[in-house]
Amino acid sequence: MTELDAALLAAHRTDDKAALVTLYQQAAAQANAAEAEAFYLTHAHVFALEINHPDQHRLRARLIDAGREAPLGPARPPLR
C-alpha cells in the first residue's frame, strides 16, 4: 500500500472531505491510465460538490475535457 492509499483510507475513515478532494486529485495526477484518472477525478469532484469546495468547477471542466461529463446546455423539451 502506498502512502497515498493510506492517506485516502484515513480520510475516508474520518470523513475528511476536504482532504479527499485533495488526495483524489493527487491520485488522478499519478494515474497511469485515462480510466484511472477519470475515476479519481470523479471522486474528487463528488466530494468537492458535497462541501462546495473551490476546485469543483475546475474538476468538472477537466471531466468535460476528458469526455467523462457533458456540458450543461439549454433544457430540452419533454419527450411526448
PDB file of N, CA and C in Angstrom:
ATOM      1  N   MET A   1       0.844  -1.170   0.000  1.00  0.00           N
ATOM      2  CA  MET A   1       0.000   0.000   0.000  1.00  0.00           C
ATOM      3  C   MET A   1       0.896   1.241   0.000  1.00  0.00           C
ATOM      4  N   THR A   2       0.538   2.194  -0.844  1.00  0.00           N
ATOM      5  CA  THR A   2       1.324   3.420  -0.920  1.00  0.00           C
ATOM      6  C   THR A   2       0.894   4.404   0.172  1.00  0.00           C
ATOM      7  N   GLU A   3       1.695   5.432   0.339  1.00  0.00           N
ATOM      8  CA  GLU A   3       1.334   6.487   1.296  1.00  0.00           C
ATOM      9  C   GLU A   3       0.018   7.145   0.895  1.00  0.00           C
ATOM     10  N   LEU A   4      -0.171   7.331  -0.410  1.00  0.00           N
ATOM     11  CA  LEU A   4      -1.401   7.952  -0.895  1.00  0.00           C
ATOM     12  C   LEU A   4      -2.606   7.067  -0.584  1.00  0.00           C
ATOM     13  N   ASP A   5      -2.478   5.775  -0.801  1.00  0.00           N
ATOM     14  CA  ASP A   5      -3.576   4.850  -0.463  1.00  0.00           C
ATOM     15  C   ASP A   5      -3.918   4.942   1.024  1.00  0.00           C
ATOM     16  N   ALA A   6      -2.895   4.951   1.858  1.00  0.00           N
ATOM     17  CA  ALA A   6      -3.114   5.027   3.304  1.00  0.00           C
ATOM     18  C   ALA A   6      -3.782   6.351   3.680  1.00  0.00           C
ATOM     19  N   ALA A   7      -3.362   7.429   3.057  1.00  0.00           N
ATOM     20  CA  ALA A   7      -3.960   8.738   3.341  1.00  0.00           C
ATOM     21  C   ALA A   7      -5.423   8.784   2.904  1.00  0.00           C
ATOM     22  N   LEU A   8      -5.722   8.187   1.750  1.00  0.00           N
ATOM     23  CA  LEU A   8      -7.113   8.122   1.284  1.00  0.00           C
ATOM     24  C   LEU A   8      -7.975   7.333   2.262  1.00  0.00           C
ATOM     25  N   LEU A   9      -7.489   6.194   2.689  1.00  0.00           N
ATOM     26  CA  LEU A   9      -8.255   5.386   3.645  1.00  0.00           C
ATOM     27  C   LEU A   9      -8.477   6.135   4.953  1.00  0.00           C
ATOM     28  N   ALA A  10      -7.449   6.821   5.434  1.00  0.00           N
ATOM     29  CA  ALA A  10      -7.577   7.580   6.677  1.00  0.00           C
ATOM     30  C   ALA A  10      -8.583   8.716   6.517  1.00  0.00           C
ATOM     31  N   ALA A  11      -8.559   9.401   5.378  1.00  0.00           N
ATOM     32  CA  ALA A  11      -9.505  10.496   5.140  1.00  0.00           C
ATOM     33  C   ALA A  11     -10.933   9.972   5.045  1.00  0.00           C
ATOM     34  N   HIS A  12     -11.109   8.807   4.447  1.00  0.00           N
ATOM     35  CA  HIS A  12     -12.444   8.196   4.402  1.00  0.00           C
ATOM     36  C   HIS A  12     -12.904   7.819   5.819  1.00  0.00           C
ATOM     37  N   ARG A  13     -12.001   7.254   6.593  1.00  0.00           N
ATOM     38  CA  ARG A  13     -12.345   6.848   7.958  1.00  0.00           C
ATOM     39  C   ARG A  13     -12.824   8.029   8.795  1.00  0.00           C
ATOM     40  N   THR A  14     -12.185   9.184   8.613  1.00  0.00           N
ATOM     41  CA  THR A  14     -12.528  10.360   9.412  1.00  0.00           C
ATOM     42  C   THR A  14     -13.517  11.282   8.700  1.00  0.00           C
ATOM     43  N   ASP A  15     -13.945  10.883   7.503  1.00  0.00           N
ATOM     44  CA  ASP A  15     -14.889  11.664   6.704  1.00  0.00           C
ATOM     45  C   ASP A  15     -14.372  13.083   6.446  1.00  0.00           C
ATOM     46  N   ASP A  16     -13.076  13.181   6.169  1.00  0.00           N
ATOM     47  CA  ASP A  16     -12.436  14.469   5.894  1.00  0.00           C
ATOM     48  C   ASP A  16     -12.555  14.760   4.393  1.00  0.00           C
ATOM     49  N   LYS A  17     -13.667  15.367   4.023  1.00  0.00           N
ATOM     50  CA  LYS A  17     -13.963  15.574   2.601  1.00  0.00           C
ATOM     51  C   LYS A  17     -12.989  16.533   1.920  1.00  0.00           C
ATOM     52  N   ALA A  18     -12.533  17.552   2.633  1.00  0.00           N
ATOM     53  CA  ALA A  18     -11.552  18.462   2.034  1.00  0.00           C
ATOM     54  C   ALA A  18     -10.268  17.711   1.686  1.00  0.00           C
ATOM     55  N   ALA A  19      -9.835  16.858   2.582  1.00  0.00           N
ATOM     56  CA  ALA A  19      -8.644  16.045   2.299  1.00  0.00           C
ATOM     57  C   ALA A  19      -8.911  15.092   1.140  1.00  0.00           C
ATOM     58  N   LEU A  20     -10.117  14.535   1.087  1.00  0.00           N
ATOM     59  CA  LEU A  20     -10.448  13.611  -0.004  1.00  0.00           C
ATOM     60  C   LEU A  20     -10.382  14.302  -1.365  1.00  0.00           C
ATOM     61  N   VAL A  21     -10.832  15.547  -1.438  1.00  0.00           N
ATOM     62  CA  VAL A  21     -10.739  16.294  -2.699  1.00  0.00           C
ATOM     63  C   VAL A  21      -9.276  16.396  -3.124  1.00  0.00           C
ATOM     64  N   THR A  22      -8.442  16.796  -2.202  1.00  0.00           N
ATOM     65  CA  THR A  22      -7.015  16.949  -2.496  1.00  0.00           C
ATOM     66  C   THR A  22      -6.357  15.618  -2.843  1.00  0.00           C
ATOM     67  N   LEU A  23      -6.625  14.605  -2.050  1.00  0.00           N
ATOM     68  CA  LEU A  23      -5.980  13.303  -2.252  1.00  0.00           C
ATOM     69  C   LEU A  23      -6.421  12.642  -3.555  1.00  0.00           C
ATOM     70  N   TYR A  24      -7.709  12.747  -3.893  1.00  0.00           N
ATOM     71  CA  TYR A  24      -8.157  12.169  -5.157  1.00  0.00           C
ATOM     72  C   TYR A  24      -7.583  12.926  -6.355  1.00  0.00           C
ATOM     73  N   GLN A  25      -7.358  14.221  -6.201  1.00  0.00           N
ATOM     74  CA  GLN A  25      -6.690  14.961  -7.274  1.00  0.00           C
ATOM     75  C   GLN A  25      -5.244  14.498  -7.419  1.00  0.00           C
ATOM     76  N   GLN A  26      -4.594  14.245  -6.299  1.00  0.00           N
ATOM     77  CA  GLN A  26      -3.224  13.723  -6.352  1.00  0.00           C
ATOM     78  C   GLN A  26      -3.197  12.354  -7.019  1.00  0.00           C
ATOM     79  N   ALA A  27      -4.163  11.513  -6.675  1.00  0.00           N
ATOM     80  CA  ALA A  27      -4.229  10.181  -7.279  1.00  0.00           C
ATOM     81  C   ALA A  27      -4.453  10.294  -8.781  1.00  0.00           C
ATOM     82  N   ALA A  28      -5.297  11.226  -9.207  1.00  0.00           N
ATOM     83  CA  ALA A  28      -5.537  11.429 -10.642  1.00  0.00           C
ATOM     84  C   ALA A  28      -4.251  11.854 -11.344  1.00  0.00           C
ATOM     85  N   ALA A  29      -3.495  12.715 -10.706  1.00  0.00           N
ATOM     86  CA  ALA A  29      -2.243  13.180 -11.294  1.00  0.00           C
ATOM     87  C   ALA A  29      -1.220  12.052 -11.431  1.00  0.00           C
ATOM     88  N   GLN A  30      -1.303  11.065 -10.554  1.00  0.00           N
ATOM     89  CA  GLN A  30      -0.360   9.941 -10.584  1.00  0.00           C
ATOM     90  C   GLN A  30      -0.856   8.757 -11.409  1.00  0.00           C
ATOM     91  N   ALA A  31      -2.104   8.816 -11.857  1.00  0.00           N
ATOM     92  CA  ALA A  31      -2.693   7.677 -12.584  1.00  0.00           C
ATOM     93  C   ALA A  31      -1.925   7.414 -13.868  1.00  0.00           C
ATOM     94  N   ASN A  32      -1.813   6.140 -14.209  1.00  0.00           N
ATOM     95  CA  ASN A  32      -1.083   5.774 -15.420  1.00  0.00           C
ATOM     96  C   ASN A  32      -2.010   5.364 -16.559  1.00  0.00           C
ATOM     97  N   ALA A  33      -3.307   5.589 -16.393  1.00  0.00           N
ATOM     98  CA  ALA A  33      -4.273   5.278 -17.458  1.00  0.00           C
ATOM     99  C   ALA A  33      -5.420   6.284 -17.378  1.00  0.00           C
ATOM    100  N   ALA A  34      -6.004   6.580 -18.533  1.00  0.00           N
ATOM    101  CA  ALA A  34      -7.103   7.551 -18.596  1.00  0.00           C
ATOM    102  C   ALA A  34      -8.288   7.113 -17.745  1.00  0.00           C
ATOM    103  N   GLU A  35      -8.565   5.820 -17.727  1.00  0.00           N
ATOM    104  CA  GLU A  35      -9.686   5.315 -16.918  1.00  0.00           C
ATOM    105  C   GLU A  35      -9.457   5.580 -15.434  1.00  0.00           C
ATOM    106  N   ALA A  36      -8.260   5.334 -14.975  1.00  0.00           N
ATOM    107  CA  ALA A  36      -7.939   5.571 -13.566  1.00  0.00           C
ATOM    108  C   ALA A  36      -7.994   7.057 -13.247  1.00  0.00           C
ATOM    109  N   GLU A  37      -7.462   7.874 -14.130  1.00  0.00           N
ATOM    110  CA  GLU A  37      -7.503   9.323 -13.905  1.00  0.00           C
ATOM    111  C   GLU A  37      -8.947   9.810 -13.792  1.00  0.00           C
ATOM    112  N   ALA A  38      -9.811   9.351 -14.696  1.00  0.00           N
ATOM    113  CA  ALA A  38     -11.222   9.750 -14.666  1.00  0.00           C
ATOM    114  C   ALA A  38     -11.903   9.269 -13.386  1.00  0.00           C
ATOM    115  N   PHE A  39     -11.583   8.068 -12.946  1.00  0.00           N
ATOM    116  CA  PHE A  39     -12.137   7.524 -11.707  1.00  0.00           C
ATOM    117  C   PHE A  39     -11.811   8.441 -10.532  1.00  0.00           C
ATOM    118  N   TYR A  40     -10.533   8.795 -10.407  1.00  0.00           N
ATOM    119  CA  TYR A  40     -10.105   9.636  -9.291  1.00  0.00           C
ATOM    120  C   TYR A  40     -10.662  11.052  -9.401  1.00  0.00           C
ATOM    121  N   LEU A  41     -10.689  11.613 -10.612  1.00  0.00           N
ATOM    122  CA  LEU A  41     -11.249  12.953 -10.790  1.00  0.00           C
ATOM    123  C   LEU A  41     -12.737  12.986 -10.448  1.00  0.00           C
ATOM    124  N   THR A  42     -13.447  11.932 -10.811  1.00  0.00           N
ATOM    125  CA  THR A  42     -14.877  11.865 -10.492  1.00  0.00           C
ATOM    126  C   THR A  42     -15.079  11.873  -8.987  1.00  0.00           C
ATOM    127  N   HIS A  43     -14.277  11.098  -8.284  1.00  0.00           N
ATOM    128  CA  HIS A  43     -14.389  11.084  -6.822  1.00  0.00           C
ATOM    129  C   HIS A  43     -14.049  12.455  -6.239  1.00  0.00           C
ATOM    130  N   ALA A  44     -12.994  13.068  -6.728  1.00  0.00           N
ATOM    131  CA  ALA A  44     -12.628  14.403  -6.247  1.00  0.00           C
ATOM    132  C   ALA A  44     -13.772  15.379  -6.488  1.00  0.00           C
ATOM    133  N   HIS A  45     -14.395  15.288  -7.649  1.00  0.00           N
ATOM    134  CA  HIS A  45     -15.497  16.196  -7.991  1.00  0.00           C
ATOM    135  C   HIS A  45     -16.695  15.977  -7.078  1.00  0.00           C
ATOM    136  N   VAL A  46     -17.053  14.742  -6.831  1.00  0.00           N
ATOM    137  CA  VAL A  46     -18.202  14.453  -5.963  1.00  0.00           C
ATOM    138  C   VAL A  46     -17.978  15.023  -4.566  1.00  0.00           C
ATOM    139  N   PHE A  47     -16.813  14.782  -3.997  1.00  0.00           N
ATOM    140  CA  PHE A  47     -16.534  15.312  -2.665  1.00  0.00           C
ATOM    141  C   PHE A  47     -16.464  16.839  -2.686  1.00  0.00           C
ATOM    142  N   ALA A  48     -15.940  17.409  -3.762  1.00  0.00           N
ATOM    143  CA  ALA A  48     -15.896  18.869  -3.883  1.00  0.00           C
ATOM    144  C   ALA A  48     -17.305  19.455  -3.905  1.00  0.00           C
ATOM    145  N   LEU A  49     -18.211  18.800  -4.603  1.00  0.00           N
ATOM    146  CA  LEU A  49     -19.591  19.267  -4.642  1.00  0.00           C
ATOM    147  C   LEU A  49     -20.234  19.200  -3.262  1.00  0.00           C
ATOM    148  N   GLU A  50     -19.933  18.150  -2.529  1.00  0.00           N
ATOM    149  CA  GLU A  50     -20.545  17.968  -1.210  1.00  0.00           C
ATOM    150  C   GLU A  50     -20.186  19.088  -0.236  1.00  0.00           C
ATOM    151  N   ILE A  51     -18.998  19.659  -0.397  1.00  0.00           N
ATOM    152  CA  ILE A  51     -18.577  20.687   0.561  1.00  0.00           C
ATOM    153  C   ILE A  51     -18.418  22.059  -0.097  1.00  0.00           C
ATOM    154  N   ASN A  52     -18.894  22.195  -1.319  1.00  0.00           N
ATOM    155  CA  ASN A  52     -18.776  23.459  -2.050  1.00  0.00           C
ATOM    156  C   ASN A  52     -17.312  23.917  -2.115  1.00  0.00           C
ATOM    157  N   HIS A  53     -16.450  22.978  -2.426  1.00  0.00           N
ATOM    158  CA  HIS A  53     -15.004  23.217  -2.499  1.00  0.00           C
ATOM    159  C   HIS A  53     -14.699  24.126  -3.692  1.00  0.00           C
ATOM    160  N   PRO A  54     -13.733  25.019  -3.564  1.00  0.00           N
ATOM    161  CA  PRO A  54     -13.421  25.936  -4.668  1.00  0.00           C
ATOM    162  C   PRO A  54     -12.929  25.250  -5.944  1.00  0.00           C
ATOM    163  N   ASP A  55     -12.463  24.024  -5.874  1.00  0.00           N
ATOM    164  CA  ASP A  55     -11.989  23.308  -7.067  1.00  0.00           C
ATOM    165  C   ASP A  55     -13.110  22.635  -7.855  1.00  0.00           C
ATOM    166  N   GLN A  56     -14.340  22.690  -7.377  1.00  0.00           N
ATOM    167  CA  GLN A  56     -15.414  21.931  -8.017  1.00  0.00           C
ATOM    168  C   GLN A  56     -15.593  22.284  -9.493  1.00  0.00           C
ATOM    169  N   HIS A  57     -15.504  23.547  -9.855  1.00  0.00           N
ATOM    170  CA  HIS A  57     -15.718  23.950 -11.249  1.00  0.00           C
ATOM    171  C   HIS A  57     -14.555  23.506 -12.138  1.00  0.00           C
ATOM    172  N   ARG A  58     -13.358  23.619 -11.610  1.00  0.00           N
ATOM    173  CA  ARG A  58     -12.185  23.180 -12.373  1.00  0.00           C
ATOM    174  C   ARG A  58     -12.207  21.670 -12.582  1.00  0.00           C
ATOM    175  N   LEU A  59     -12.624  20.941 -11.553  1.00  0.00           N
ATOM    176  CA  LEU A  59     -12.711  19.481 -11.677  1.00  0.00           C
ATOM    177  C   LEU A  59     -13.753  19.092 -12.721  1.00  0.00           C
ATOM    178  N   ARG A  60     -14.900  19.754 -12.706  1.00  0.00           N
ATOM    179  CA  ARG A  60     -15.936  19.470 -13.701  1.00  0.00           C
ATOM    180  C   ARG A  60     -15.418  19.769 -15.108  1.00  0.00           C
ATOM    181  N   ALA A  61     -14.713  20.881 -15.258  1.00  0.00           N
ATOM    182  CA  ALA A  61     -14.155  21.234 -16.569  1.00  0.00           C
ATOM    183  C   ALA A  61     -13.172  20.173 -17.040  1.00  0.00           C
ATOM    184  N   ARG A  62     -12.380  19.646 -16.137  1.00  0.00           N
ATOM    185  CA  ARG A  62     -11.442  18.582 -16.522  1.00  0.00           C
ATOM    186  C   ARG A  62     -12.186  17.325 -16.962  1.00  0.00           C
ATOM    187  N   LEU A  63     -13.266  16.996 -16.271  1.00  0.00           N
ATOM    188  CA  LEU A  63     -14.063  15.830 -16.659  1.00  0.00           C
ATOM    189  C   LEU A  63     -14.733  16.050 -18.011  1.00  0.00           C
ATOM    190  N   ILE A  64     -15.198  17.260 -18.263  1.00  0.00           N
ATOM    191  CA  ILE A  64     -15.792  17.572 -19.571  1.00  0.00           C
ATOM    192  C   ILE A  64     -14.728  17.451 -20.654  1.00  0.00           C
ATOM    193  N   ASP A  65     -13.560  18.027 -20.427  1.00  0.00           N
ATOM    194  CA  ASP A  65     -12.471  17.955 -21.408  1.00  0.00           C
ATOM    195  C   ASP A  65     -12.070  16.518 -21.708  1.00  0.00           C
ATOM    196  N   ALA A  66     -12.192  15.660 -20.709  1.00  0.00           N
ATOM    197  CA  ALA A  66     -11.823  14.250 -20.888  1.00  0.00           C
ATOM    198  C   ALA A  66     -12.972  13.432 -21.481  1.00  0.00           C
ATOM    199  N   GLY A  67     -14.107  14.079 -21.733  1.00  0.00           N
ATOM    200  CA  GLY A  67     -15.249  13.359 -22.297  1.00  0.00           C
ATOM    201  C   GLY A  67     -15.981  12.502 -21.280  1.00  0.00           C
ATOM    202  N   ARG A  68     -15.805  12.785 -20.003  1.00  0.00           N
ATOM    203  CA  ARG A  68     -16.418  11.997 -18.929  1.00  0.00           C
ATOM    204  C   ARG A  68     -17.650  12.657 -18.349  1.00  0.00           C
ATOM    205  N   GLU A  69     -17.903  13.883 -18.764  1.00  0.00           N
ATOM    206  CA  GLU A  69     -19.054  14.652 -18.292  1.00  0.00           C
ATOM    207  C   GLU A  69     -19.531  15.493 -19.463  1.00  0.00           C
ATOM    208  N   ALA A  70     -20.817  15.778 -19.502  1.00  0.00           N
ATOM    209  CA  ALA A  70     -21.374  16.592 -20.571  1.00  0.00           C
ATOM    210  C   ALA A  70     -21.590  18.018 -20.073  1.00  0.00           C
ATOM    211  N   PRO A  71     -21.280  18.991 -20.934  1.00  0.00           N
ATOM    212  CA  PRO A  71     -21.545  20.368 -20.531  1.00  0.00           C
ATOM    213  C   PRO A  71     -23.044  20.592 -20.401  1.00  0.00           C
ATOM    214  N   LEU A  72     -23.410  21.493 -19.522  1.00  0.00           N
ATOM    215  CA  LEU A  72     -24.823  21.824 -19.371  1.00  0.00           C
ATOM    216  C   LEU A  72     -25.229  22.698 -20.541  1.00  0.00           C
ATOM    217  N   GLY A  73     -26.401  22.437 -21.055  1.00  0.00           N
ATOM    218  CA  GLY A  73     -26.893  23.221 -22.175  1.00  0.00           C
ATOM    219  C   GLY A  73     -28.322  23.626 -21.913  1.00  0.00           C
ATOM    220  N   PRO A  74     -28.957  24.179 -22.925  1.00  0.00           N
ATOM    221  CA  PRO A  74     -30.350  24.568 -22.750  1.00  0.00           C
ATOM    222  C   PRO A  74     -31.218  23.345 -22.459  1.00  0.00           C
ATOM    223  N   ALA A  75     -32.249  23.585 -21.689  1.00  0.00           N
ATOM    224  CA  ALA A  75     -33.165  22.485 -21.341  1.00  0.00           C
ATOM    225  C   ALA A  75     -33.847  21.989 -22.608  1.00  0.00           C
ATOM    226  N   ARG A  76     -33.990  20.684 -22.691  1.00  0.00           N
ATOM    227  CA  ARG A  76     -34.680  20.102 -23.846  1.00  0.00           C
ATOM    228  C   ARG A  76     -36.152  19.957 -23.511  1.00  0.00           C
ATOM    229  N   PRO A  77     -36.999  20.060 -24.539  1.00  0.00           N
ATOM    230  CA  PRO A  77     -38.435  19.871 -24.271  1.00  0.00           C
ATOM    231  C   PRO A  77     -38.703  18.426 -23.825  1.00  0.00           C
ATOM    232  N   PRO A  78     -39.723  18.236 -23.025  1.00  0.00           N
ATOM    233  CA  PRO A  78     -40.016  16.873 -22.551  1.00  0.00           C
ATOM    234  C   PRO A  78     -40.395  15.952 -23.715  1.00  0.00           C
ATOM    235  N   LEU A  79     -40.066  14.689 -23.551  1.00  0.00           N
ATOM    236  CA  LEU A  79     -40.447  13.700 -24.561  1.00  0.00           C
ATOM    237  C   LEU A  79     -41.954  13.474 -24.479  1.00  0.00           C
ATOM    238  N   ARG A  80     -42.557  13.276 -25.608  1.00  0.00           N
ATOM    239  CA  ARG A  80     -44.024  13.055 -25.623  1.00  0.00           C
ATOM    240  C   ARG A  80     -44.345  11.602 -25.781  1.00  0.00           C
TER     241      ARG A  80
END
